[in-house]
Protein backbone atom coordinates (compact mmCIF):
# COMPACT_ATOMS: atom_id res chain seq x y z
CA MET A 1 -30.99 -264.51 16.33
CA GLU A 2 -31.19 -265.66 12.27
CA ALA A 3 -27.74 -267.22 13.39
CA GLU A 4 -29.67 -269.71 15.59
CA LYS A 5 -32.08 -270.53 13.09
CA TRP A 6 -30.23 -272.15 11.07
CA GLY A 7 -28.11 -273.96 13.59
CA ARG A 8 -31.23 -275.94 14.80
CA ARG A 9 -32.13 -276.82 11.15
CA ILE A 10 -28.38 -278.20 10.53
CA ARG A 11 -28.28 -279.57 13.81
CA ALA A 12 -31.35 -281.04 13.16
CA TYR A 13 -31.38 -282.25 9.13
CA ARG A 14 -27.52 -283.96 10.68
CA LYS A 15 -28.93 -286.14 13.68
CA LEU A 16 -31.83 -287.22 11.02
CA LYS A 17 -29.27 -288.21 8.62
CA GLY A 18 -27.40 -290.18 10.87
CA PHE A 19 -23.95 -288.22 11.14
CA THR A 20 -22.26 -286.79 14.82
CA GLN A 21 -21.22 -283.49 14.78
CA GLU A 22 -17.67 -285.44 14.93
CA SER A 23 -18.00 -287.41 11.60
CA PHE A 24 -20.19 -284.93 9.71
CA SER A 25 -17.73 -281.90 10.77
CA LYS A 26 -14.96 -284.87 8.27
CA GLU A 27 -17.51 -285.03 5.98
CA LEU A 28 -17.34 -281.21 5.34
CA GLY A 29 -13.19 -281.25 6.36
CA VAL A 30 -14.20 -278.74 8.95
CA SER A 31 -13.46 -278.58 12.87
CA VAL A 32 -15.33 -279.54 14.78
CA SER A 33 -15.38 -276.43 17.16
CA ILE A 34 -16.93 -274.37 13.75
CA LEU A 35 -19.43 -277.17 13.37
CA GLY A 36 -19.90 -277.10 16.81
CA GLU A 37 -20.31 -272.90 16.79
CA VAL A 38 -22.71 -272.99 14.41
CA GLU A 39 -24.75 -275.49 15.59
CA ARG A 40 -24.95 -272.88 18.37
CA GLY A 41 -25.60 -269.99 16.33
CA ASN A 42 -22.93 -268.37 16.87
CA ARG A 43 -21.97 -268.89 14.01
CA LEU A 44 -23.66 -267.79 10.72
CA PRO A 45 -22.85 -270.14 8.14
CA SER A 46 -21.93 -268.31 4.50
CA VAL A 47 -23.84 -269.70 1.21
CA ASP A 48 -20.89 -271.73 0.66
CA PHE A 49 -20.16 -273.06 3.29
CA LEU A 50 -24.63 -273.82 3.29
CA GLU A 51 -24.17 -275.70 0.39
CA LYS A 52 -21.55 -277.86 1.62
CA ILE A 53 -23.25 -278.64 4.48
CA ALA A 54 -27.16 -278.82 1.77
CA GLY A 55 -24.79 -281.24 -0.36
CA ALA A 56 -23.21 -283.75 2.30
CA LEU A 57 -26.61 -284.28 3.88
CA ARG A 58 -27.98 -284.73 0.09
CA ILE A 59 -30.34 -282.00 0.61
CA THR A 60 -30.83 -278.89 -1.34
CA VAL A 61 -30.15 -275.54 0.52
CA ASP A 62 -34.13 -274.38 0.47
CA ASP A 63 -34.30 -277.01 2.71
CA LEU A 64 -32.33 -276.11 4.98
CA THR A 65 -34.00 -272.59 4.90
CA PRO A 66 -34.92 -271.39 8.67
CA PRO A 67 -38.99 -270.77 7.51
CA ASN A 68 -40.16 -267.01 7.65
CA GLU A 69 -41.43 -266.30 10.26
CA ASN A 70 -43.96 -263.37 8.73
CA SER A 71 -44.88 -265.39 6.35
């Protein structure tokens, strides 16, 4: 469930910034399949990977962080 929330936010920001999955995966230096797994919520991104994603999108990791539904 948590991975799905991260994936949805990453996909939304990627599209907002005008990246295709292919162009963004090249920017990050990962395969399209790895990026796809993260965006579909099949793989939880590591902290290092989140920092790399945020840097490529020119946003902060806090911007990517899913809101806490309990607050």
